[in-house]
Amino acid sequence: MQKWTRWQAWMALVAGAYAALSPLWTRTNDTATWTMVALGVITAAIALWSLAMAEDRVSEYALVVMGVLFIASPWVMGFERLDAMALTAWIVGAITVTAGVLGMPQVEERMHLHHGPIAH
């Protein structure tokens, strides 16, 4: 697998960067800000790891974990009433989980199975 070509990792990188920067334009508090910045930076770093080390497939599982953390963070960190920030966390979490699952070796292999020519 070639480095820097996995669209799933690029999707997670954009989602992580968006989350880290979202406190700039979204109404927030200190807890939500630090949570989103920390999770966003870590997610972006994992996505870069996935892009740079394409043969190391552990990063996809890490992306799924980060997505779950994003989804749980509004309730765990107590900012579920900040509607825009909570919605951002949930959407970024869903995107990150999806990117991780679609990048997993067994899923990717099933998506790329090539069957022989169709018999007529």
PDB file of N, CA and C in Angstrom:
ATOM      1  N   MET A   1       0.844  -1.176   0.000  1.00  0.00           N
ATOM      2  CA  MET A   1       0.000   0.000   0.000  1.00  0.00           C
ATOM      3  C   MET A   1       0.892   1.243   0.000  1.00  0.00           C
ATOM      4  N   GLN A   2       0.541   2.205  -0.818  1.00  0.00           N
ATOM      5  CA  GLN A   2       1.328   3.417  -0.931  1.00  0.00           C
ATOM      6  C   GLN A   2       0.999   4.391   0.192  1.00  0.00           C
ATOM      7  N   LYS A   3       2.034   5.118   0.581  1.00  0.00           N
ATOM      8  CA  LYS A   3       1.845   6.132   1.622  1.00  0.00           C
ATOM      9  C   LYS A   3       1.085   7.328   1.061  1.00  0.00           C
ATOM     10  N   TRP A   4       0.358   8.003   1.946  1.00  0.00           N
ATOM     11  CA  TRP A   4      -0.324   9.259   1.657  1.00  0.00           C
ATOM     12  C   TRP A   4      -1.446   9.124   0.635  1.00  0.00           C
ATOM     13  N   THR A   5      -1.981   7.920   0.446  1.00  0.00           N
ATOM     14  CA  THR A   5      -3.031   7.746  -0.556  1.00  0.00           C
ATOM     15  C   THR A   5      -4.354   7.248   0.016  1.00  0.00           C
ATOM     16  N   ARG A   6      -4.414   6.959   1.290  1.00  0.00           N
ATOM     17  CA  ARG A   6      -5.619   6.364   1.874  1.00  0.00           C
ATOM     18  C   ARG A   6      -6.652   7.452   2.164  1.00  0.00           C
ATOM     19  N   TRP A   7      -7.759   7.417   1.431  1.00  0.00           N
ATOM     20  CA  TRP A   7      -8.769   8.456   1.585  1.00  0.00           C
ATOM     21  C   TRP A   7      -9.405   8.443   2.964  1.00  0.00           C
ATOM     22  N   GLN A   8      -9.476   7.267   3.606  1.00  0.00           N
ATOM     23  CA  GLN A   8     -10.074   7.182   4.936  1.00  0.00           C
ATOM     24  C   GLN A   8      -9.251   7.993   5.940  1.00  0.00           C
ATOM     25  N   ALA A   9      -7.936   7.897   5.845  1.00  0.00           N
ATOM     26  CA  ALA A   9      -7.067   8.641   6.759  1.00  0.00           C
ATOM     27  C   ALA A   9      -7.146  10.141   6.486  1.00  0.00           C
ATOM     28  N   TRP A  10      -7.266  10.525   5.212  1.00  0.00           N
ATOM     29  CA  TRP A  10      -7.429  11.943   4.894  1.00  0.00           C
ATOM     30  C   TRP A  10      -8.738  12.480   5.486  1.00  0.00           C
ATOM     31  N   MET A  11      -9.788  11.675   5.424  1.00  0.00           N
ATOM     32  CA  MET A  11     -11.076  12.057   5.992  1.00  0.00           C
ATOM     33  C   MET A  11     -10.949  12.269   7.509  1.00  0.00           C
ATOM     34  N   ALA A  12     -10.241  11.375   8.188  1.00  0.00           N
ATOM     35  CA  ALA A  12     -10.041  11.503   9.634  1.00  0.00           C
ATOM     36  C   ALA A  12      -9.157  12.705   9.966  1.00  0.00           C
ATOM     37  N   LEU A  13      -8.169  12.974   9.128  1.00  0.00           N
ATOM     38  CA  LEU A  13      -7.297  14.129   9.351  1.00  0.00           C
ATOM     39  C   LEU A  13      -8.091  15.430   9.282  1.00  0.00           C
ATOM     40  N   VAL A  14      -8.935  15.558   8.286  1.00  0.00           N
ATOM     41  CA  VAL A  14      -9.765  16.763   8.143  1.00  0.00           C
ATOM     42  C   VAL A  14     -10.729  16.882   9.325  1.00  0.00           C
ATOM     43  N   ALA A  15     -11.335  15.773   9.726  1.00  0.00           N
ATOM     44  CA  ALA A  15     -12.262  15.798  10.858  1.00  0.00           C
ATOM     45  C   ALA A  15     -11.551  16.206  12.146  1.00  0.00           C
ATOM     46  N   GLY A  16     -10.362  15.658  12.380  1.00  0.00           N
ATOM     47  CA  GLY A  16      -9.594  16.018  13.575  1.00  0.00           C
ATOM     48  C   GLY A  16      -9.191  17.481  13.579  1.00  0.00           C
ATOM     49  N   ALA A  17      -8.742  17.981  12.431  1.00  0.00           N
ATOM     50  CA  ALA A  17      -8.361  19.395  12.338  1.00  0.00           C
ATOM     51  C   ALA A  17      -9.569  20.295  12.554  1.00  0.00           C
ATOM     52  N   TYR A  18     -10.706  19.914  11.976  1.00  0.00           N
ATOM     53  CA  TYR A  18     -11.932  20.687  12.162  1.00  0.00           C
ATOM     54  C   TYR A  18     -12.315  20.740  13.643  1.00  0.00           C
ATOM     55  N   ALA A  19     -12.246  19.598  14.314  1.00  0.00           N
ATOM     56  CA  ALA A  19     -12.588  19.556  15.742  1.00  0.00           C
ATOM     57  C   ALA A  19     -11.655  20.438  16.560  1.00  0.00           C
ATOM     58  N   ALA A  20     -10.362  20.367  16.272  1.00  0.00           N
ATOM     59  CA  ALA A  20      -9.389  21.155  17.028  1.00  0.00           C
ATOM     60  C   ALA A  20      -9.598  22.650  16.837  1.00  0.00           C
ATOM     61  N   LEU A  21     -10.041  23.037  15.659  1.00  0.00           N
ATOM     62  CA  LEU A  21     -10.243  24.463  15.367  1.00  0.00           C
ATOM     63  C   LEU A  21     -11.667  24.948  15.645  1.00  0.00           C
ATOM     64  N   SER A  22     -12.599  24.041  15.864  1.00  0.00           N
ATOM     65  CA  SER A  22     -14.003  24.416  16.025  1.00  0.00           C
ATOM     66  C   SER A  22     -14.288  25.397  17.166  1.00  0.00           C
ATOM     67  N   PRO A  23     -13.524  25.419  18.262  1.00  0.00           N
ATOM     68  CA  PRO A  23     -13.813  26.427  19.288  1.00  0.00           C
ATOM     69  C   PRO A  23     -13.625  27.867  18.810  1.00  0.00           C
ATOM     70  N   LEU A  24     -12.959  28.059  17.685  1.00  0.00           N
ATOM     71  CA  LEU A  24     -12.779  29.413  17.162  1.00  0.00           C
ATOM     72  C   LEU A  24     -14.087  30.022  16.667  1.00  0.00           C
ATOM     73  N   TRP A  25     -15.028  29.191  16.183  1.00  0.00           N
ATOM     74  CA  TRP A  25     -16.271  29.718  15.622  1.00  0.00           C
ATOM     75  C   TRP A  25     -17.537  29.160  16.275  1.00  0.00           C
ATOM     76  N   THR A  26     -17.364  28.327  17.302  1.00  0.00           N
ATOM     77  CA  THR A  26     -18.519  27.727  17.960  1.00  0.00           C
ATOM     78  C   THR A  26     -18.582  28.181  19.416  1.00  0.00           C
ATOM     79  N   ARG A  27     -19.791  28.490  19.885  1.00  0.00           N
ATOM     80  CA  ARG A  27     -19.969  28.879  21.291  1.00  0.00           C
ATOM     81  C   ARG A  27     -19.549  27.706  22.168  1.00  0.00           C
ATOM     82  N   THR A  28     -18.721  27.999  23.156  1.00  0.00           N
ATOM     83  CA  THR A  28     -18.114  26.926  23.937  1.00  0.00           C
ATOM     84  C   THR A  28     -17.804  27.392  25.351  1.00  0.00           C
ATOM     85  N   ASN A  29     -17.273  26.476  26.146  1.00  0.00           N
ATOM     86  CA  ASN A  29     -16.726  26.812  27.463  1.00  0.00           C
ATOM     87  C   ASN A  29     -15.333  26.183  27.539  1.00  0.00           C
ATOM     88  N   ASP A  30     -14.640  26.400  28.650  1.00  0.00           N
ATOM     89  CA  ASP A  30     -13.263  25.910  28.759  1.00  0.00           C
ATOM     90  C   ASP A  30     -13.165  24.394  28.634  1.00  0.00           C
ATOM     91  N   THR A  31     -14.069  23.677  29.271  1.00  0.00           N
ATOM     92  CA  THR A  31     -14.027  22.212  29.229  1.00  0.00           C
ATOM     93  C   THR A  31     -14.217  21.698  27.808  1.00  0.00           C
ATOM     94  N   ALA A  32     -15.223  22.215  27.127  1.00  0.00           N
ATOM     95  CA  ALA A  32     -15.486  21.784  25.753  1.00  0.00           C
ATOM     96  C   ALA A  32     -14.333  22.156  24.833  1.00  0.00           C
ATOM     97  N   THR A  33     -13.792  23.345  25.017  1.00  0.00           N
ATOM     98  CA  THR A  33     -12.676  23.785  24.179  1.00  0.00           C
ATOM     99  C   THR A  33     -11.494  22.846  24.312  1.00  0.00           C
ATOM    100  N   TRP A  34     -11.061  22.598  25.536  1.00  0.00           N
ATOM    101  CA  TRP A  34      -9.885  21.745  25.735  1.00  0.00           C
ATOM    102  C   TRP A  34     -10.149  20.308  25.295  1.00  0.00           C
ATOM    103  N   THR A  35     -11.357  19.826  25.495  1.00  0.00           N
ATOM    104  CA  THR A  35     -11.697  18.475  25.054  1.00  0.00           C
ATOM    105  C   THR A  35     -11.610  18.366  23.536  1.00  0.00           C
ATOM    106  N   MET A  36     -12.225  19.303  22.835  1.00  0.00           N
ATOM    107  CA  MET A  36     -12.229  19.256  21.373  1.00  0.00           C
ATOM    108  C   MET A  36     -10.833  19.465  20.792  1.00  0.00           C
ATOM    109  N   VAL A  37     -10.079  20.382  21.373  1.00  0.00           N
ATOM    110  CA  VAL A  37      -8.720  20.618  20.880  1.00  0.00           C
ATOM    111  C   VAL A  37      -7.855  19.373  21.099  1.00  0.00           C
ATOM    112  N   ALA A  38      -7.918  18.796  22.289  1.00  0.00           N
ATOM    113  CA  ALA A  38      -7.087  17.619  22.590  1.00  0.00           C
ATOM    114  C   ALA A  38      -7.478  16.431  21.708  1.00  0.00           C
ATOM    115  N   LEU A  39      -8.765  16.119  21.651  1.00  0.00           N
ATOM    116  CA  LEU A  39      -9.198  14.986  20.820  1.00  0.00           C
ATOM    117  C   LEU A  39      -8.921  15.241  19.344  1.00  0.00           C
ATOM    118  N   GLY A  40      -9.109  16.479  18.903  1.00  0.00           N
ATOM    119  CA  GLY A  40      -8.859  16.812  17.503  1.00  0.00           C
ATOM    120  C   GLY A  40      -7.401  16.679  17.119  1.00  0.00           C
ATOM    121  N   VAL A  41      -6.508  17.178  17.962  1.00  0.00           N
ATOM    122  CA  VAL A  41      -5.070  17.088  17.677  1.00  0.00           C
ATOM    123  C   VAL A  41      -4.616  15.627  17.686  1.00  0.00           C
ATOM    124  N   ILE A  42      -5.089  14.853  18.657  1.00  0.00           N
ATOM    125  CA  ILE A  42      -4.709  13.435  18.719  1.00  0.00           C
ATOM    126  C   ILE A  42      -5.245  12.683  17.502  1.00  0.00           C
ATOM    127  N   THR A  43      -6.484  12.969  17.108  1.00  0.00           N
ATOM    128  CA  THR A  43      -7.060  12.314  15.930  1.00  0.00           C
ATOM    129  C   THR A  43      -6.286  12.670  14.667  1.00  0.00           C
ATOM    130  N   ALA A  44      -5.946  13.940  14.520  1.00  0.00           N
ATOM    131  CA  ALA A  44      -5.162  14.359  13.351  1.00  0.00           C
ATOM    132  C   ALA A  44      -3.793  13.677  13.348  1.00  0.00           C
ATOM    133  N   ALA A  45      -3.182  13.545  14.522  1.00  0.00           N
ATOM    134  CA  ALA A  45      -1.874  12.880  14.611  1.00  0.00           C
ATOM    135  C   ALA A  45      -1.982  11.398  14.237  1.00  0.00           C
ATOM    136  N   ILE A  46      -3.023  10.742  14.694  1.00  0.00           N
ATOM    137  CA  ILE A  46      -3.229   9.331  14.342  1.00  0.00           C
ATOM    138  C   ILE A  46      -3.467   9.195  12.837  1.00  0.00           C
ATOM    139  N   ALA A  47      -4.234  10.111  12.257  1.00  0.00           N
ATOM    140  CA  ALA A  47      -4.476  10.077  10.815  1.00  0.00           C
ATOM    141  C   ALA A  47      -3.177  10.285  10.038  1.00  0.00           C
ATOM    142  N   LEU A  48      -2.328  11.190  10.501  1.00  0.00           N
ATOM    143  CA  LEU A  48      -1.020  11.371   9.858  1.00  0.00           C
ATOM    144  C   LEU A  48      -0.175  10.115   9.972  1.00  0.00           C
ATOM    145  N   TRP A  49      -0.219   9.474  11.121  1.00  0.00           N
ATOM    146  CA  TRP A  49       0.483   8.196  11.324  1.00  0.00           C
ATOM    147  C   TRP A  49      -0.038   7.171  10.312  1.00  0.00           C
ATOM    148  N   SER A  50      -1.343   7.116  10.147  1.00  0.00           N
ATOM    149  CA  SER A  50      -1.942   6.180   9.205  1.00  0.00           C
ATOM    150  C   SER A  50      -1.501   6.476   7.774  1.00  0.00           C
ATOM    151  N   LEU A  51      -1.415   7.739   7.434  1.00  0.00           N
ATOM    152  CA  LEU A  51      -0.986   8.114   6.088  1.00  0.00           C
ATOM    153  C   LEU A  51       0.497   7.829   5.852  1.00  0.00           C
ATOM    154  N   ALA A  52       1.318   8.117   6.843  1.00  0.00           N
ATOM    155  CA  ALA A  52       2.765   7.954   6.693  1.00  0.00           C
ATOM    156  C   ALA A  52       3.210   6.500   6.777  1.00  0.00           C
ATOM    157  N   MET A  53       2.509   5.712   7.565  1.00  0.00           N
ATOM    158  CA  MET A  53       2.888   4.311   7.780  1.00  0.00           C
ATOM    159  C   MET A  53       1.753   3.423   7.288  1.00  0.00           C
ATOM    160  N   ALA A  54       1.535   3.410   6.002  1.00  0.00           N
ATOM    161  CA  ALA A  54       0.379   2.718   5.421  1.00  0.00           C
ATOM    162  C   ALA A  54       0.350   1.230   5.748  1.00  0.00           C
ATOM    163  N   GLU A  55       1.502   0.620   5.939  1.00  0.00           N
ATOM    164  CA  GLU A  55       1.536  -0.818   6.236  1.00  0.00           C
ATOM    165  C   GLU A  55       1.210  -1.124   7.697  1.00  0.00           C
ATOM    166  N   ASP A  56       1.280  -0.146   8.576  1.00  0.00           N
ATOM    167  CA  ASP A  56       0.956  -0.319   9.991  1.00  0.00           C
ATOM    168  C   ASP A  56      -0.529  -0.051  10.186  1.00  0.00           C
ATOM    169  N   ARG A  57      -1.335  -1.082  10.247  1.00  0.00           N
ATOM    170  CA  ARG A  57      -2.775  -0.946  10.230  1.00  0.00           C
ATOM    171  C   ARG A  57      -3.406  -0.773  11.613  1.00  0.00           C
ATOM    172  N   VAL A  58      -2.615  -0.672  12.662  1.00  0.00           N
ATOM    173  CA  VAL A  58      -3.149  -0.463  14.010  1.00  0.00           C
ATOM    174  C   VAL A  58      -3.830   0.903  14.114  1.00  0.00           C
ATOM    175  N   SER A  59      -3.392   1.837  13.304  1.00  0.00           N
ATOM    176  CA  SER A  59      -3.935   3.192  13.378  1.00  0.00           C
ATOM    177  C   SER A  59      -5.445   3.233  13.112  1.00  0.00           C
ATOM    178  N   GLU A  60      -5.963   2.320  12.300  1.00  0.00           N
ATOM    179  CA  GLU A  60      -7.403   2.307  12.032  1.00  0.00           C
ATOM    180  C   GLU A  60      -8.195   1.997  13.299  1.00  0.00           C
ATOM    181  N   TYR A  61      -7.681   1.081  14.086  1.00  0.00           N
ATOM    182  CA  TYR A  61      -8.343   0.756  15.356  1.00  0.00           C
ATOM    183  C   TYR A  61      -8.271   1.955  16.303  1.00  0.00           C
ATOM    184  N   ALA A  62      -7.150   2.660  16.283  1.00  0.00           N
ATOM    185  CA  ALA A  62      -7.008   3.863  17.104  1.00  0.00           C
ATOM    186  C   ALA A  62      -8.005   4.941  16.663  1.00  0.00           C
ATOM    187  N   LEU A  63      -8.245   5.045  15.365  1.00  0.00           N
ATOM    188  CA  LEU A  63      -9.230   6.022  14.883  1.00  0.00           C
ATOM    189  C   LEU A  63     -10.635   5.681  15.362  1.00  0.00           C
ATOM    190  N   VAL A  64     -10.975   4.400  15.392  1.00  0.00           N
ATOM    191  CA  VAL A  64     -12.284   3.996  15.906  1.00  0.00           C
ATOM    192  C   VAL A  64     -12.413   4.397  17.375  1.00  0.00           C
ATOM    193  N   VAL A  65     -11.366   4.158  18.159  1.00  0.00           N
ATOM    194  CA  VAL A  65     -11.379   4.539  19.581  1.00  0.00           C
ATOM    195  C   VAL A  65     -11.548   6.051  19.721  1.00  0.00           C
ATOM    196  N   MET A  66     -10.832   6.821  18.902  1.00  0.00           N
ATOM    197  CA  MET A  66     -10.956   8.280  18.983  1.00  0.00           C
ATOM    198  C   MET A  66     -12.372   8.724  18.608  1.00  0.00           C
ATOM    199  N   GLY A  67     -12.965   8.081  17.616  1.00  0.00           N
ATOM    200  CA  GLY A  67     -14.336   8.417  17.248  1.00  0.00           C
ATOM    201  C   GLY A  67     -15.309   8.165  18.378  1.00  0.00           C
ATOM    202  N   VAL A  68     -15.136   7.044  19.051  1.00  0.00           N
ATOM    203  CA  VAL A  68     -15.995   6.727  20.201  1.00  0.00           C
ATOM    204  C   VAL A  68     -15.786   7.761  21.310  1.00  0.00           C
ATOM    205  N   LEU A  69     -14.551   8.176  21.532  1.00  0.00           N
ATOM    206  CA  LEU A  69     -14.284   9.209  22.542  1.00  0.00           C
ATOM    207  C   LEU A  69     -14.958  10.528  22.181  1.00  0.00           C
ATOM    208  N   PHE A  70     -14.921  10.898  20.899  1.00  0.00           N
ATOM    209  CA  PHE A  70     -15.628  12.107  20.461  1.00  0.00           C
ATOM    210  C   PHE A  70     -17.122  11.991  20.747  1.00  0.00           C
ATOM    211  N   ILE A  71     -17.709  10.856  20.395  1.00  0.00           N
ATOM    212  CA  ILE A  71     -19.145  10.675  20.577  1.00  0.00           C
ATOM    213  C   ILE A  71     -19.534  10.741  22.052  1.00  0.00           C
ATOM    214  N   ALA A  72     -18.724  10.164  22.918  1.00  0.00           N
ATOM    215  CA  ALA A  72     -19.022  10.156  24.358  1.00  0.00           C
ATOM    216  C   ALA A  72     -18.663  11.465  25.059  1.00  0.00           C
ATOM    217  N   SER A  73     -17.770  12.245  24.478  1.00  0.00           N
ATOM    218  CA  SER A  73     -17.217  13.407  25.186  1.00  0.00           C
ATOM    219  C   SER A  73     -18.239  14.437  25.668  1.00  0.00           C
ATOM    220  N   PRO A  74     -19.285  14.778  24.924  1.00  0.00           N
ATOM    221  CA  PRO A  74     -20.223  15.768  25.468  1.00  0.00           C
ATOM    222  C   PRO A  74     -20.862  15.327  26.786  1.00  0.00           C
ATOM    223  N   TRP A  75     -21.187  14.044  26.897  1.00  0.00           N
ATOM    224  CA  TRP A  75     -21.795  13.557  28.138  1.00  0.00           C
ATOM    225  C   TRP A  75     -20.755  13.390  29.235  1.00  0.00           C
ATOM    226  N   VAL A  76     -19.614  12.845  28.892  1.00  0.00           N
ATOM    227  CA  VAL A  76     -18.570  12.597  29.894  1.00  0.00           C
ATOM    228  C   VAL A  76     -18.000  13.906  30.436  1.00  0.00           C
ATOM    229  N   MET A  77     -17.794  14.863  29.554  1.00  0.00           N
ATOM    230  CA  MET A  77     -17.182  16.130  29.967  1.00  0.00           C
ATOM    231  C   MET A  77     -18.216  17.207  30.312  1.00  0.00           C
ATOM    232  N   GLY A  78     -19.493  16.908  30.153  1.00  0.00           N
ATOM    233  CA  GLY A  78     -20.546  17.805  30.603  1.00  0.00           C
ATOM    234  C   GLY A  78     -20.840  18.996  29.711  1.00  0.00           C
ATOM    235  N   PHE A  79     -20.620  18.871  28.420  1.00  0.00           N
ATOM    236  CA  PHE A  79     -20.984  19.987  27.542  1.00  0.00           C
ATOM    237  C   PHE A  79     -22.076  19.610  26.542  1.00  0.00           C
ATOM    238  N   GLU A  80     -22.911  18.641  26.918  1.00  0.00           N
ATOM    239  CA  GLU A  80     -24.000  18.219  26.035  1.00  0.00           C
ATOM    240  C   GLU A  80     -25.044  19.309  25.824  1.00  0.00           C
ATOM    241  N   ARG A  81     -25.102  20.300  26.709  1.00  0.00           N
ATOM    242  CA  ARG A  81     -26.086  21.384  26.559  1.00  0.00           C
ATOM    243  C   ARG A  81     -25.575  22.500  25.647  1.00  0.00           C
ATOM    244  N   LEU A  82     -24.301  22.460  25.301  1.00  0.00           N
ATOM    245  CA  LEU A  82     -23.771  23.387  24.291  1.00  0.00           C
ATOM    246  C   LEU A  82     -24.053  22.741  22.936  1.00  0.00           C
ATOM    247  N   ASP A  83     -25.241  23.011  22.426  1.00  0.00           N
ATOM    248  CA  ASP A  83     -25.748  22.270  21.268  1.00  0.00           C
ATOM    249  C   ASP A  83     -24.776  22.205  20.095  1.00  0.00           C
ATOM    250  N   ALA A  84     -24.235  23.339  19.694  1.00  0.00           N
ATOM    251  CA  ALA A  84     -23.368  23.358  18.511  1.00  0.00           C
ATOM    252  C   ALA A  84     -22.080  22.571  18.758  1.00  0.00           C
ATOM    253  N   MET A  85     -21.504  22.712  19.927  1.00  0.00           N
ATOM    254  CA  MET A  85     -20.247  22.008  20.210  1.00  0.00           C
ATOM    255  C   MET A  85     -20.494  20.509  20.387  1.00  0.00           C
ATOM    256  N   ALA A  86     -21.579  20.150  21.042  1.00  0.00           N
ATOM    257  CA  ALA A  86     -21.908  18.726  21.189  1.00  0.00           C
ATOM    258  C   ALA A  86     -22.183  18.102  19.829  1.00  0.00           C
ATOM    259  N   LEU A  87     -22.929  18.789  18.982  1.00  0.00           N
ATOM    260  CA  LEU A  87     -23.211  18.284  17.638  1.00  0.00           C
ATOM    261  C   LEU A  87     -21.919  18.121  16.838  1.00  0.00           C
ATOM    262  N   THR A  88     -21.011  19.067  16.975  1.00  0.00           N
ATOM    263  CA  THR A  88     -19.704  18.952  16.309  1.00  0.00           C
ATOM    264  C   THR A  88     -18.980  17.708  16.779  1.00  0.00           C
ATOM    265  N   ALA A  89     -18.972  17.465  18.081  1.00  0.00           N
ATOM    266  CA  ALA A  89     -18.291  16.277  18.620  1.00  0.00           C
ATOM    267  C   ALA A  89     -18.928  15.000  18.090  1.00  0.00           C
ATOM    268  N   TRP A  90     -20.234  14.954  18.030  1.00  0.00           N
ATOM    269  CA  TRP A  90     -20.926  13.747  17.559  1.00  0.00           C
ATOM    270  C   TRP A  90     -20.675  13.504  16.067  1.00  0.00           C
ATOM    271  N   ILE A  91     -20.712  14.554  15.274  1.00  0.00           N
ATOM    272  CA  ILE A  91     -20.484  14.400  13.826  1.00  0.00           C
ATOM    273  C   ILE A  91     -19.037  14.005  13.555  1.00  0.00           C
ATOM    274  N   VAL A  92     -18.096  14.686  14.206  1.00  0.00           N
ATOM    275  CA  VAL A  92     -16.686  14.339  14.022  1.00  0.00           C
ATOM    276  C   VAL A  92     -16.435  12.910  14.497  1.00  0.00           C
ATOM    277  N   GLY A  93     -17.072  12.516  15.586  1.00  0.00           N
ATOM    278  CA  GLY A  93     -16.934  11.149  16.076  1.00  0.00           C
ATOM    279  C   GLY A  93     -17.445  10.133  15.076  1.00  0.00           C
ATOM    280  N   ALA A  94     -18.608  10.403  14.490  1.00  0.00           N
ATOM    281  CA  ALA A  94     -19.175   9.486  13.495  1.00  0.00           C
ATOM    282  C   ALA A  94     -18.278   9.385  12.267  1.00  0.00           C
ATOM    283  N   ILE A  95     -17.743  10.498  11.816  1.00  0.00           N
ATOM    284  CA  ILE A  95     -16.834  10.493  10.665  1.00  0.00           C
ATOM    285  C   ILE A  95     -15.564   9.718  10.986  1.00  0.00           C
ATOM    286  N   THR A  96     -15.027   9.923  12.177  1.00  0.00           N
ATOM    287  CA  THR A  96     -13.789   9.254  12.563  1.00  0.00           C
ATOM    288  C   THR A  96     -13.990   7.753  12.722  1.00  0.00           C
ATOM    289  N   VAL A  97     -15.083   7.346  13.344  1.00  0.00           N
ATOM    290  CA  VAL A  97     -15.381   5.908  13.460  1.00  0.00           C
ATOM    291  C   VAL A  97     -15.525   5.302  12.066  1.00  0.00           C
ATOM    292  N   THR A  98     -16.254   5.970  11.197  1.00  0.00           N
ATOM    293  CA  THR A  98     -16.445   5.475   9.832  1.00  0.00           C
ATOM    294  C   THR A  98     -15.118   5.345   9.101  1.00  0.00           C
ATOM    295  N   ALA A  99     -14.273   6.352   9.218  1.00  0.00           N
ATOM    296  CA  ALA A  99     -12.957   6.298   8.568  1.00  0.00           C
ATOM    297  C   ALA A  99     -12.135   5.134   9.098  1.00  0.00           C
ATOM    298  N   GLY A 100     -12.156   4.930  10.405  1.00  0.00           N
ATOM    299  CA  GLY A 100     -11.404   3.832  10.996  1.00  0.00           C
ATOM    300  C   GLY A 100     -11.917   2.474  10.562  1.00  0.00           C
ATOM    301  N   VAL A 101     -13.235   2.306  10.566  1.00  0.00           N
ATOM    302  CA  VAL A 101     -13.823   1.016  10.182  1.00  0.00           C
ATOM    303  C   VAL A 101     -13.544   0.726   8.705  1.00  0.00           C
ATOM    304  N   LEU A 102     -13.726   1.722   7.840  1.00  0.00           N
ATOM    305  CA  LEU A 102     -13.493   1.498   6.414  1.00  0.00           C
ATOM    306  C   LEU A 102     -12.022   1.264   6.086  1.00  0.00           C
ATOM    307  N   GLY A 103     -11.147   1.713   6.966  1.00  0.00           N
ATOM    308  CA  GLY A 103      -9.722   1.495   6.752  1.00  0.00           C
ATOM    309  C   GLY A 103      -9.191   0.200   7.336  1.00  0.00           C
ATOM    310  N   MET A 104     -10.000  -0.493   8.120  1.00  0.00           N
ATOM    311  CA  MET A 104      -9.547  -1.755   8.720  1.00  0.00           C
ATOM    312  C   MET A 104      -9.243  -2.770   7.623  1.00  0.00           C
ATOM    313  N   PRO A 105      -8.188  -3.534   7.807  1.00  0.00           N
ATOM    314  CA  PRO A 105      -7.767  -4.460   6.750  1.00  0.00           C
ATOM    315  C   PRO A 105      -8.858  -5.410   6.278  1.00  0.00           C
ATOM    316  N   GLN A 106      -9.601  -6.015   7.199  1.00  0.00           N
ATOM    317  CA  GLN A 106     -10.610  -6.981   6.777  1.00  0.00           C
ATOM    318  C   GLN A 106     -11.757  -6.320   6.029  1.00  0.00           C
ATOM    319  N   VAL A 107     -12.113  -5.100   6.382  1.00  0.00           N
ATOM    320  CA  VAL A 107     -13.187  -4.393   5.688  1.00  0.00           C
ATOM    321  C   VAL A 107     -12.691  -3.932   4.321  1.00  0.00           C
ATOM    322  N   GLU A 108     -11.496  -3.366   4.304  1.00  0.00           N
ATOM    323  CA  GLU A 108     -10.929  -2.886   3.050  1.00  0.00           C
ATOM    324  C   GLU A 108     -10.737  -4.035   2.056  1.00  0.00           C
ATOM    325  N   GLU A 109     -10.320  -5.172   2.563  1.00  0.00           N
ATOM    326  CA  GLU A 109     -10.134  -6.336   1.705  1.00  0.00           C
ATOM    327  C   GLU A 109     -11.460  -6.776   1.089  1.00  0.00           C
ATOM    328  N   ARG A 110     -12.517  -6.766   1.873  1.00  0.00           N
ATOM    329  CA  ARG A 110     -13.833  -7.152   1.347  1.00  0.00           C
ATOM    330  C   ARG A 110     -14.348  -6.152   0.322  1.00  0.00           C
ATOM    331  N   MET A 111     -14.006  -4.885   0.516  1.00  0.00           N
ATOM    332  CA  MET A 111     -14.452  -3.862  -0.414  1.00  0.00           C
ATOM    333  C   MET A 111     -13.717  -3.968  -1.755  1.00  0.00           C
ATOM    334  N   HIS A 112     -12.542  -4.570  -1.747  1.00  0.00           N
ATOM    335  CA  HIS A 112     -11.725  -4.635  -2.957  1.00  0.00           C
ATOM    336  C   HIS A 112     -11.612  -6.031  -3.541  1.00  0.00           C
ATOM    337  N   LEU A 113     -12.473  -6.929  -3.146  1.00  0.00           N
ATOM    338  CA  LEU A 113     -12.425  -8.272  -3.710  1.00  0.00           C
ATOM    339  C   LEU A 113     -12.725  -8.206  -5.203  1.00  0.00           C
ATOM    340  N   HIS A 114     -11.901  -8.884  -5.947  1.00  0.00           N
ATOM    341  CA  HIS A 114     -12.106  -8.930  -7.396  1.00  0.00           C
ATOM    342  C   HIS A 114     -12.454 -10.362  -7.765  1.00  0.00           C
ATOM    343  N   HIS A 115     -13.593 -10.528  -8.324  1.00  0.00           N
ATOM    344  CA  HIS A 115     -14.015 -11.842  -8.777  1.00  0.00           C
ATOM    345  C   HIS A 115     -13.645 -11.963 -10.254  1.00  0.00           C
ATOM    346  N   GLY A 116     -13.536 -13.159 -10.676  1.00  0.00           N
ATOM    347  CA  GLY A 116     -13.192 -13.401 -12.070  1.00  0.00           C
ATOM    348  C   GLY A 116     -14.245 -12.853 -13.011  1.00  0.00           C
ATOM    349  N   PRO A 117     -14.010 -12.996 -14.311  1.00  0.00           N
ATOM    350  CA  PRO A 117     -14.980 -12.489 -15.287  1.00  0.00           C
ATOM    351  C   PRO A 117     -16.319 -13.201 -15.138  1.00  0.00           C
ATOM    352  N   ILE A 118     -17.345 -12.515 -15.492  1.00  0.00           N
ATOM    353  CA  ILE A 118     -18.706 -13.046 -15.409  1.00  0.00           C
ATOM    354  C   ILE A 118     -18.901 -14.038 -16.554  1.00  0.00           C
ATOM    355  N   ALA A 119     -19.378 -15.204 -16.200  1.00  0.00           N
ATOM    356  CA  ALA A 119     -19.622 -16.231 -17.218  1.00  0.00           C
ATOM    357  C   ALA A 119     -20.932 -15.940 -17.933  1.00  0.00           C
ATOM    358  N   HIS A 120     -20.951 -16.125 -19.230  1.00  0.00           N
ATOM    359  CA  HIS A 120     -22.166 -15.895 -20.014  1.00  0.00           C
ATOM    360  C   HIS A 120     -22.784 -17.189 -20.414  1.00  0.00           C
TER     361      HIS A 120
END
